[in-house]
Protein backbone atom coordinates (compact mmCIF):
# COMPACT_ATOMS: atom_id res chain seq x y z
CA UNK A 1 93.59 139.45 89.87
CA UNK A 2 96.37 139.99 92.43
CA UNK A 3 96.85 136.23 92.88
CA UNK A 4 97.03 135.67 89.14
CA UNK A 5 99.55 138.48 88.63
CA UNK A 6 101.64 137.33 91.59
CA UNK A 7 101.60 133.73 90.30
CA UNK A 8 102.76 134.82 86.85
CA UNK A 9 105.57 136.97 88.27
CA UNK A 10 106.74 134.17 90.61
CA UNK A 11 106.60 131.57 87.83
CA UNK A 12 108.64 133.84 85.53
CA UNK A 13 111.22 134.37 88.27
CA UNK A 14 111.45 130.63 88.91
CA UNK A 15 111.91 129.86 85.23
CA UNK A 16 114.69 132.42 84.84
CA UNK A 17 116.87 131.07 87.68
CA UNK A 18 119.96 128.94 87.19
CA UNK A 19 120.79 125.94 89.30
CA UNK A 20 123.76 125.25 91.51
CA UNK A 21 123.36 121.73 92.90
CA UNK A 22 120.56 119.52 91.66
CA UNK A 23 122.00 116.53 93.53
CA UNK A 24 120.82 117.93 96.93
CA UNK A 25 117.24 116.97 95.97
CA UNK A 26 117.91 113.96 93.70
CA UNK A 27 116.07 110.68 94.35
CA UNK A 28 113.05 109.48 96.33
CA UNK A 29 111.31 111.34 99.15
CA UNK A 30 108.33 110.93 101.48
CA UNK A 31 106.74 113.69 103.51
CA UNK A 32 103.91 114.93 105.66
CA UNK A 33 102.29 118.34 105.70
CA UNK A 34 99.71 120.54 107.38
CA UNK A 35 97.78 122.96 105.24
CA UNK A 36 94.99 125.46 105.14
CA UNK A 37 92.31 124.99 102.46
CA UNK A 38 90.02 127.69 101.10
CA UNK A 39 87.20 126.50 98.85
CA UNK A 40 84.34 128.05 96.98
CA UNK A 41 81.43 127.93 96.80
CA UNK A 42 81.00 127.91 100.57
CA UNK A 43 77.37 126.73 100.43
CA UNK A 44 76.82 123.51 102.43
CA UNK A 45 80.55 123.28 103.12
CA UNK A 46 83.04 124.65 105.59
CA UNK A 47 84.96 126.86 103.21
CA UNK A 48 88.17 127.32 105.24
CA UNK A 49 89.76 124.32 106.91
CA UNK A 50 93.10 123.11 108.27
CA UNK A 51 94.00 119.69 106.88
CA UNK A 52 96.74 117.01 107.02
CA UNK A 53 98.39 115.57 103.93
CA UNK A 54 101.07 113.18 102.72
CA UNK A 55 103.33 113.37 99.70
CA UNK A 56 105.83 111.10 97.95
CA UNK A 57 107.91 111.56 94.85
CA UNK A 58 111.10 111.20 92.91
CA UNK A 59 113.44 113.82 91.46
CA UNK A 60 115.97 113.42 88.65
CA UNK A 61 119.08 115.56 88.53
CA UNK A 62 119.46 116.89 84.97
CA UNK A 63 122.40 119.19 85.72
CA UNK A 64 120.70 122.59 85.80
CA UNK A 65 117.18 121.67 86.90
CA UNK A 66 115.46 118.91 88.79
CA UNK A 67 112.65 117.08 87.00
CA UNK A 68 110.33 115.08 89.20
CA UNK A 69 107.03 113.35 89.80
CA UNK A 70 104.98 113.85 92.93
CA UNK A 71 101.95 112.05 94.36
CA UNK A 72 99.79 113.47 97.16
CA UNK A 73 96.73 112.96 99.36
CA UNK A 74 95.13 115.91 101.18
CA UNK A 75 92.31 115.28 103.66
CA UNK A 76 89.97 118.25 103.08
CA UNK A 77 87.22 116.62 105.12
CA UNK A 78 84.52 119.27 104.64
CA UNK A 79 85.61 121.32 101.64
CA UNK A 80 83.82 121.66 98.30
CA UNK A 81 86.03 118.84 96.95
CA UNK A 82 86.50 116.47 99.90
CA UNK A 83 89.66 114.37 100.16
CA UNK A 84 91.96 115.14 97.23
CA UNK A 85 94.58 112.88 95.70
CA UNK A 86 96.64 113.25 92.59
CA UNK A 87 99.96 113.43 90.80
CA UNK A 88 102.06 116.30 89.49
CA UNK A 89 105.12 116.80 87.32
CA UNK A 90 107.61 118.95 89.21
CA UNK A 91 110.22 121.34 87.82
CA UNK A 92 112.74 122.51 90.43
CA UNK A 93 115.59 125.00 90.36
CA UNK A 94 118.09 123.95 93.09
CA UNK A 95 120.34 126.66 94.48
CA UNK A 96 122.59 125.03 97.09
CA UNK A 97 120.17 123.99 99.86
CA UNK A 98 117.13 125.89 98.51
CA UNK A 99 114.91 124.75 95.66
CA UNK A 100 112.04 126.87 94.32
CA UNK A 101 109.74 124.80 92.12
CA UNK A 102 106.58 124.72 90.06
CA UNK A 103 104.31 121.73 89.56
CA UNK A 104 101.41 120.83 87.32
CA UNK A 105 99.24 117.74 87.21
CA UNK A 106 95.81 116.38 88.09
CA UNK A 107 93.77 116.10 91.29
CA UNK A 108 90.85 113.77 91.83
CA UNK A 109 87.82 113.08 94.10
CA UNK A 110 84.50 114.92 94.10
CA UNK A 111 83.66 116.72 91.76
CA UNK A 112 85.98 114.69 89.50
CA UNK A 113 89.41 115.05 87.94
CA UNK A 114 90.76 118.60 87.65
CA UNK A 115 93.96 120.39 86.64
CA UNK A 116 96.16 120.93 89.70
CA UNK A 117 99.13 123.28 89.90
CA UNK A 118 101.32 125.01 92.40
CA UNK A 119 104.45 126.87 93.42
CA UNK A 120 106.72 126.15 96.34
CA UNK A 121 110.11 126.30 97.94
CA UNK A 122 112.07 123.57 99.70
CA UNK A 123 115.02 123.99 102.08
CA UNK A 124 117.39 121.13 102.93
CA UNK A 125 118.29 121.60 106.62
CA UNK A 126 120.02 118.20 107.02
CA UNK A 127 121.38 115.64 104.51
CA UNK A 128 118.12 113.65 104.48
CA UNK A 129 115.58 116.23 105.72
CA UNK A 130 113.94 119.29 104.21
CA UNK A 131 111.11 121.71 105.00
CA UNK A 132 108.65 122.69 102.30
CA UNK A 133 106.28 125.64 101.85
CA UNK A 134 103.78 125.37 99.01
CA UNK A 135 100.72 126.95 97.41
CA UNK A 136 98.49 124.82 95.17
CA UNK A 137 95.15 125.37 93.45
CA UNK A 138 92.61 123.62 91.24
CA UNK A 139 89.11 124.28 89.92
CA UNK A 140 86.32 122.59 88.01
CA UNK A 141 82.96 123.76 86.69
CA UNK A 142 80.05 121.48 87.63
CA UNK A 143 76.46 122.32 86.61
CA UNK A 144 77.51 125.88 85.65
CA UNK A 145 79.08 126.40 89.11
CA UNK A 146 82.85 126.72 89.48
CA UNK A 147 84.36 124.89 92.45
CA UNK A 148 87.77 126.20 93.46
CA UNK A 149 90.40 124.93 95.87
CA UNK A 150 93.32 127.00 97.11
CA UNK A 151 95.80 125.48 99.57
CA UNK A 152 98.80 126.74 101.43
CA UNK A 153 100.85 124.16 103.31
CA UNK A 154 104.06 123.54 105.24
CA UNK A 155 105.68 120.15 105.61
CA UNK A 156 108.76 118.03 106.19
CA UNK A 157 110.26 115.61 103.63
CA UNK A 158 112.61 112.67 104.21
CA UNK A 159 115.00 112.09 101.27
CA UNK A 160 116.06 108.43 100.89
CA UNK A 161 118.88 108.99 98.40
CA UNK A 162 120.65 111.84 100.20
CA UNK A 163 124.40 112.19 99.73
C-alpha cells in the first residue's frame, strides 16, 4: 500500500512540473546500469539479486516536455522472470540539468509479455554524460500465481546529440 501511494504521489508531482530546457536531453543515448531486483514468488528462485543492464533510447524535445522511447535488457539471472527485455514510452520533465520522468511499456521473457512501468530521475553532469536513478516494476499472473518484479537501478548514459 505504501509503495502504491508513494508512486501515485510521485507521478502526480512529476506531471505537475513545468520544464526549463528539454534540449539538454534531446536525441539518442546509450547507457549501462546496475540494479537490485526483488521478485515474488521466491519459491525455486533467488528472490533478491543484483543485476547488470543496458539501455538505449531517443528523446524528442517538444518545448515543455521530453517524449521518448527506451529499450532495455536486464540480466535477472535467477529471478522469477529471468532475463528481461522490453521497450517503454518515456515522458520527461527537464529542469535545467535534472529530468524526472515516468515510463510505461512492455517487458518480455519468462513468464511472457507483461506491462512494465517506472519512475526515475536523470542528472546531466557533463554535456554528453548523465547519471540515472530509476525504479521499475512489472507483474503477470500465471496459473493463478502472480509473479512480480521490482527493480531499483543506477546507471550512466552517453548522449550522442549533446549540445
